[in-house]
Amino acid sequence: MAESTPVTDRYAPDDHLGHRSLLVAAAYVLLLRGDEVLLQLRRGTGYMDGRWATLAGHVDPGESVHEAAVREAAEEAGVRLDPADLEPVTTLHRFERGGPQVEQRCDWFFVARRWSGDPAVAEPDKAAEMRWFPLGALPDLVVPHERLVLDGVRDGGLPAVVSLPS
């Protein structure tokens, strides 16, 4: 029977001492119906409440970014996605120079044009409502980094990777 490598032997000694950036990973799903995108109005989350947002959430330990996207779409809108239907749009690296580790983030954005189920607010404690908006007529109050990506999807030419320092 093969011995497993201890966790301490798999990482450089400084990985857990704040010398390297430990990114917070999140998955975002842009449900598109023609030229419309599904957005939800955030509430009760403590982050960007009162703004419109895509379906999104953190990648859980042991979970792939694709699995997180599928899970978040189900949890937030009650829709089922096939990971094969997730089209990568961009990866957004958000960071605060010299800031705390929790502000070093990597966001993967996907478009989904196929799903099963009728999208509806599935977490009423986190979303006040859900609506379809034309990409060319988004509401004024959209989470800023999500707005950047939505505008890029609308206009085309969004880079594969975007770095966004705060």
C-alpha atoms as a PDB file:
ATOM      1  CA  MET A   1       0.000   0.000   0.000  1.00  0.00           C
ATOM      2  CA  ALA A   2       1.429   3.390  -1.032  1.00  0.00           C
ATOM      3  CA  GLU A   3       1.984   5.971   1.639  1.00  0.00           C
ATOM      4  CA  SER A   4       0.267   9.304   1.204  1.00  0.00           C
ATOM      5  CA  THR A   5       2.321  12.465   1.223  1.00  0.00           C
ATOM      6  CA  PRO A   6       1.739  14.513   4.382  1.00  0.00           C
ATOM      7  CA  VAL A   7       0.119  17.877   3.727  1.00  0.00           C
ATOM      8  CA  THR A   8       3.181  19.629   5.126  1.00  0.00           C
ATOM      9  CA  ASP A   9       5.356  18.054   2.400  1.00  0.00           C
ATOM     10  CA  ARG A  10       3.097  19.190  -0.461  1.00  0.00           C
ATOM     11  CA  TYR A  11       3.406  22.934   0.061  1.00  0.00           C
ATOM     12  CA  ALA A  12       6.237  25.390   0.448  1.00  0.00           C
ATOM     13  CA  PRO A  13       6.735  26.310   4.134  1.00  0.00           C
ATOM     14  CA  ASP A  14       5.535  29.888   3.642  1.00  0.00           C
ATOM     15  CA  ASP A  15       2.212  29.072   1.916  1.00  0.00           C
ATOM     16  CA  HIS A  16       0.273  29.309   5.168  1.00  0.00           C
ATOM     17  CA  LEU A  17       2.220  32.177   6.715  1.00  0.00           C
ATOM     18  CA  GLY A  18       0.885  35.044   4.627  1.00  0.00           C
ATOM     19  CA  HIS A  19       3.874  35.228   2.283  1.00  0.00           C
ATOM     20  CA  ARG A  20       1.905  34.022  -0.716  1.00  0.00           C
ATOM     21  CA  SER A  21      -1.433  35.098  -1.998  1.00  0.00           C
ATOM     22  CA  LEU A  22      -4.193  32.626  -1.197  1.00  0.00           C
ATOM     23  CA  LEU A  23      -6.995  33.453  -3.619  1.00  0.00           C
ATOM     24  CA  VAL A  24     -10.685  33.332  -2.758  1.00  0.00           C
ATOM     25  CA  ALA A  25     -12.310  31.561  -5.720  1.00  0.00           C
ATOM     26  CA  ALA A  26     -15.840  32.209  -7.010  1.00  0.00           C
ATOM     27  CA  ALA A  27     -17.971  31.038  -9.942  1.00  0.00           C
ATOM     28  CA  TYR A  28     -20.425  33.296 -11.799  1.00  0.00           C
ATOM     29  CA  VAL A  29     -23.167  32.225 -14.202  1.00  0.00           C
ATOM     30  CA  LEU A  30     -24.683  34.576 -16.751  1.00  0.00           C
ATOM     31  CA  LEU A  31     -27.937  32.933 -17.842  1.00  0.00           C
ATOM     32  CA  LEU A  32     -28.593  34.325 -21.317  1.00  0.00           C
ATOM     33  CA  ARG A  33     -31.930  34.170 -23.113  1.00  0.00           C
ATOM     34  CA  GLY A  34     -31.270  35.728 -26.507  1.00  0.00           C
ATOM     35  CA  ASP A  35     -29.871  39.181 -25.718  1.00  0.00           C
ATOM     36  CA  GLU A  36     -31.237  39.170 -22.144  1.00  0.00           C
ATOM     37  CA  VAL A  37     -29.450  38.240 -18.933  1.00  0.00           C
ATOM     38  CA  LEU A  38     -31.020  37.048 -15.691  1.00  0.00           C
ATOM     39  CA  LEU A  39     -30.149  39.221 -12.681  1.00  0.00           C
ATOM     40  CA  GLN A  40     -31.181  39.071  -9.045  1.00  0.00           C
ATOM     41  CA  LEU A  41     -31.560  41.969  -6.633  1.00  0.00           C
ATOM     42  CA  ARG A  42     -29.300  41.294  -3.634  1.00  0.00           C
ATOM     43  CA  ARG A  43     -30.574  41.698  -0.086  1.00  0.00           C
ATOM     44  CA  GLY A  44     -29.651  40.478   3.364  1.00  0.00           C
ATOM     45  CA  THR A  45     -26.151  39.341   2.364  1.00  0.00           C
ATOM     46  CA  GLY A  46     -24.076  42.198   3.768  1.00  0.00           C
ATOM     47  CA  TYR A  47     -22.350  42.640   0.396  1.00  0.00           C
ATOM     48  CA  MET A  48     -23.662  44.942  -2.343  1.00  0.00           C
ATOM     49  CA  ASP A  49     -27.237  44.635  -1.110  1.00  0.00           C
ATOM     50  CA  GLY A  50     -29.625  46.716  -3.223  1.00  0.00           C
ATOM     51  CA  ARG A  51     -27.644  46.006  -6.393  1.00  0.00           C
ATOM     52  CA  TRP A  52     -28.434  43.633  -9.239  1.00  0.00           C
ATOM     53  CA  ALA A  53     -26.155  40.636  -9.655  1.00  0.00           C
ATOM     54  CA  THR A  54     -25.624  37.473 -11.646  1.00  0.00           C
ATOM     55  CA  LEU A  55     -25.851  33.991 -10.129  1.00  0.00           C
ATOM     56  CA  ALA A  56     -22.639  33.480  -8.192  1.00  0.00           C
ATOM     57  CA  GLY A  57     -20.913  32.081  -5.173  1.00  0.00           C
ATOM     58  CA  HIS A  58     -17.695  30.823  -3.683  1.00  0.00           C
ATOM     59  CA  VAL A  59     -16.081  27.577  -4.758  1.00  0.00           C
ATOM     60  CA  ASP A  60     -16.376  25.179  -1.834  1.00  0.00           C
ATOM     61  CA  PRO A  61     -13.393  23.086  -0.668  1.00  0.00           C
ATOM     62  CA  GLY A  62     -12.939  20.033  -2.894  1.00  0.00           C
ATOM     63  CA  GLU A  63     -15.243  21.475  -5.576  1.00  0.00           C
ATOM     64  CA  SER A  64     -14.309  22.450  -9.140  1.00  0.00           C
ATOM     65  CA  VAL A  65     -15.259  25.875 -10.477  1.00  0.00           C
ATOM     66  CA  HIS A  66     -17.685  24.138 -12.885  1.00  0.00           C
ATOM     67  CA  GLU A  67     -19.331  22.250 -10.025  1.00  0.00           C
ATOM     68  CA  ALA A  68     -19.634  25.508  -8.081  1.00  0.00           C
ATOM     69  CA  ALA A  69     -21.309  27.248 -11.046  1.00  0.00           C
ATOM     70  CA  VAL A  70     -23.834  24.411 -11.423  1.00  0.00           C
ATOM     71  CA  ARG A  71     -24.515  24.349  -7.669  1.00  0.00           C
ATOM     72  CA  GLU A  72     -24.951  28.125  -7.379  1.00  0.00           C
ATOM     73  CA  ALA A  73     -27.404  28.246 -10.310  1.00  0.00           C
ATOM     74  CA  ALA A  74     -29.475  25.534  -8.625  1.00  0.00           C
ATOM     75  CA  GLU A  75     -29.298  27.137  -5.161  1.00  0.00           C
ATOM     76  CA  GLU A  76     -30.060  30.692  -6.292  1.00  0.00           C
ATOM     77  CA  ALA A  77     -32.429  30.252  -9.238  1.00  0.00           C
ATOM     78  CA  GLY A  78     -33.613  26.641  -9.059  1.00  0.00           C
ATOM     79  CA  VAL A  79     -32.239  25.763 -12.509  1.00  0.00           C
ATOM     80  CA  ARG A  80     -30.219  22.733 -13.514  1.00  0.00           C
ATOM     81  CA  LEU A  81     -27.167  23.196 -15.709  1.00  0.00           C
ATOM     82  CA  ASP A  82     -25.023  20.671 -17.512  1.00  0.00           C
ATOM     83  CA  PRO A  83     -21.362  21.605 -16.939  1.00  0.00           C
ATOM     84  CA  ALA A  84     -20.787  20.993 -20.667  1.00  0.00           C
ATOM     85  CA  ASP A  85     -23.134  23.944 -21.375  1.00  0.00           C
ATOM     86  CA  LEU A  86     -20.976  26.407 -19.409  1.00  0.00           C
ATOM     87  CA  GLU A  87     -19.148  28.689 -21.862  1.00  0.00           C
ATOM     88  CA  PRO A  88     -16.109  30.389 -20.264  1.00  0.00           C
ATOM     89  CA  VAL A  89     -16.268  34.169 -20.658  1.00  0.00           C
ATOM     90  CA  THR A  90     -13.379  35.547 -18.617  1.00  0.00           C
ATOM     91  CA  THR A  91     -11.480  35.172 -15.385  1.00  0.00           C
ATOM     92  CA  LEU A  92     -11.398  38.285 -13.253  1.00  0.00           C
ATOM     93  CA  HIS A  93      -8.552  38.691 -10.785  1.00  0.00           C
ATOM     94  CA  ARG A  94      -9.637  41.252  -8.186  1.00  0.00           C
ATOM     95  CA  PHE A  95      -7.095  42.325  -5.635  1.00  0.00           C
ATOM     96  CA  GLU A  96      -6.157  45.031  -3.208  1.00  0.00           C
ATOM     97  CA  ARG A  97      -2.465  45.901  -3.363  1.00  0.00           C
ATOM     98  CA  GLY A  98      -1.083  45.253   0.103  1.00  0.00           C
ATOM     99  CA  GLY A  99      -4.562  44.312   1.284  1.00  0.00           C
ATOM    100  CA  PRO A 100      -5.715  41.367   3.357  1.00  0.00           C
ATOM    101  CA  GLN A 101      -5.773  37.859   1.905  1.00  0.00           C
ATOM    102  CA  VAL A 102      -9.576  37.878   1.840  1.00  0.00           C
ATOM    103  CA  GLU A 103      -9.400  40.638  -0.786  1.00  0.00           C
ATOM    104  CA  GLN A 104      -7.339  38.565  -3.224  1.00  0.00           C
ATOM    105  CA  ARG A 105     -10.005  37.022  -5.461  1.00  0.00           C
ATOM    106  CA  CYS A 106     -10.303  35.018  -8.640  1.00  0.00           C
ATOM    107  CA  ASP A 107     -13.731  35.025 -10.305  1.00  0.00           C
ATOM    108  CA  TRP A 108     -14.587  32.655 -13.165  1.00  0.00           C
ATOM    109  CA  PHE A 109     -17.460  33.858 -15.361  1.00  0.00           C
ATOM    110  CA  PHE A 110     -19.503  31.491 -17.517  1.00  0.00           C
ATOM    111  CA  VAL A 111     -22.393  32.001 -19.925  1.00  0.00           C
ATOM    112  CA  ALA A 112     -25.166  29.400 -19.986  1.00  0.00           C
ATOM    113  CA  ARG A 113     -27.686  29.430 -22.812  1.00  0.00           C
ATOM    114  CA  ARG A 114     -29.292  26.086 -21.920  1.00  0.00           C
ATOM    115  CA  TRP A 115     -30.752  24.920 -18.622  1.00  0.00           C
ATOM    116  CA  SER A 116     -33.745  23.083 -17.278  1.00  0.00           C
ATOM    117  CA  GLY A 117     -36.300  24.558 -14.918  1.00  0.00           C
ATOM    118  CA  ASP A 118     -37.849  28.006 -14.696  1.00  0.00           C
ATOM    119  CA  PRO A 119     -35.531  30.534 -13.039  1.00  0.00           C
ATOM    120  CA  ALA A 120     -37.013  32.023  -9.876  1.00  0.00           C
ATOM    121  CA  VAL A 121     -35.745  33.362  -6.562  1.00  0.00           C
ATOM    122  CA  ALA A 122     -34.782  30.248  -4.628  1.00  0.00           C
ATOM    123  CA  GLU A 123     -33.088  32.082  -1.722  1.00  0.00           C
ATOM    124  CA  PRO A 124     -35.541  34.819  -0.686  1.00  0.00           C
ATOM    125  CA  ASP A 125     -33.328  35.740   2.272  1.00  0.00           C
ATOM    126  CA  LYS A 126     -30.552  36.722  -0.192  1.00  0.00           C
ATOM    127  CA  ALA A 127     -32.493  38.077  -3.185  1.00  0.00           C
ATOM    128  CA  ALA A 128     -35.516  40.379  -3.273  1.00  0.00           C
ATOM    129  CA  GLU A 129     -36.395  39.610  -6.900  1.00  0.00           C
ATOM    130  CA  MET A 130     -35.118  38.202 -10.158  1.00  0.00           C
ATOM    131  CA  ARG A 131     -35.610  39.671 -13.643  1.00  0.00           C
ATOM    132  CA  TRP A 132     -34.456  39.412 -17.240  1.00  0.00           C
ATOM    133  CA  PHE A 133     -32.718  42.531 -18.580  1.00  0.00           C
ATOM    134  CA  PRO A 134     -31.521  43.291 -22.112  1.00  0.00           C
ATOM    135  CA  LEU A 135     -27.712  43.436 -22.108  1.00  0.00           C
ATOM    136  CA  GLY A 136     -28.067  46.868 -23.733  1.00  0.00           C
ATOM    137  CA  ALA A 137     -30.377  48.192 -20.994  1.00  0.00           C
ATOM    138  CA  LEU A 138     -29.009  46.991 -17.673  1.00  0.00           C
ATOM    139  CA  PRO A 139     -30.177  48.667 -14.465  1.00  0.00           C
ATOM    140  CA  ASP A 140     -27.978  51.419 -13.027  1.00  0.00           C
ATOM    141  CA  LEU A 141     -27.179  49.562  -9.821  1.00  0.00           C
ATOM    142  CA  VAL A 142     -25.266  46.410 -10.821  1.00  0.00           C
ATOM    143  CA  VAL A 143     -22.385  44.993  -8.765  1.00  0.00           C
ATOM    144  CA  PRO A 144     -19.460  46.914 -10.361  1.00  0.00           C
ATOM    145  CA  HIS A 145     -17.149  44.024 -11.295  1.00  0.00           C
ATOM    146  CA  GLU A 146     -20.113  42.080 -12.675  1.00  0.00           C
ATOM    147  CA  ARG A 147     -21.160  45.137 -14.699  1.00  0.00           C
ATOM    148  CA  LEU A 148     -17.681  45.207 -16.234  1.00  0.00           C
ATOM    149  CA  VAL A 149     -18.120  41.620 -17.441  1.00  0.00           C
ATOM    150  CA  LEU A 150     -21.738  42.123 -18.589  1.00  0.00           C
ATOM    151  CA  ASP A 151     -20.667  45.151 -20.658  1.00  0.00           C
ATOM    152  CA  GLY A 152     -17.831  43.063 -22.126  1.00  0.00           C
ATOM    153  CA  VAL A 153     -20.244  40.274 -23.075  1.00  0.00           C
ATOM    154  CA  ARG A 154     -22.526  42.849 -24.714  1.00  0.00           C
ATOM    155  CA  ASP A 155     -19.714  44.615 -26.601  1.00  0.00           C
ATOM    156  CA  GLY A 156     -17.514  41.593 -27.324  1.00  0.00           C
ATOM    157  CA  GLY A 157     -13.744  41.506 -27.098  1.00  0.00           C
ATOM    158  CA  LEU A 158     -13.538  40.703 -23.386  1.00  0.00           C
ATOM    159  CA  PRO A 159     -10.013  39.414 -22.590  1.00  0.00           C
ATOM    160  CA  ALA A 160      -9.615  35.875 -21.276  1.00  0.00           C
ATOM    161  CA  VAL A 161      -8.117  37.262 -18.059  1.00  0.00           C
ATOM    162  CA  VAL A 162      -8.753  40.682 -16.500  1.00  0.00           C
ATOM    163  CA  SER A 163      -6.872  42.064 -13.477  1.00  0.00           C
ATOM    164  CA  LEU A 164      -8.808  44.609 -11.467  1.00  0.00           C
ATOM    165  CA  PRO A 165      -6.933  46.221  -8.573  1.00  0.00           C
ATOM    166  CA  SER A 166      -9.033  48.159  -6.074  1.00  0.00           C
END
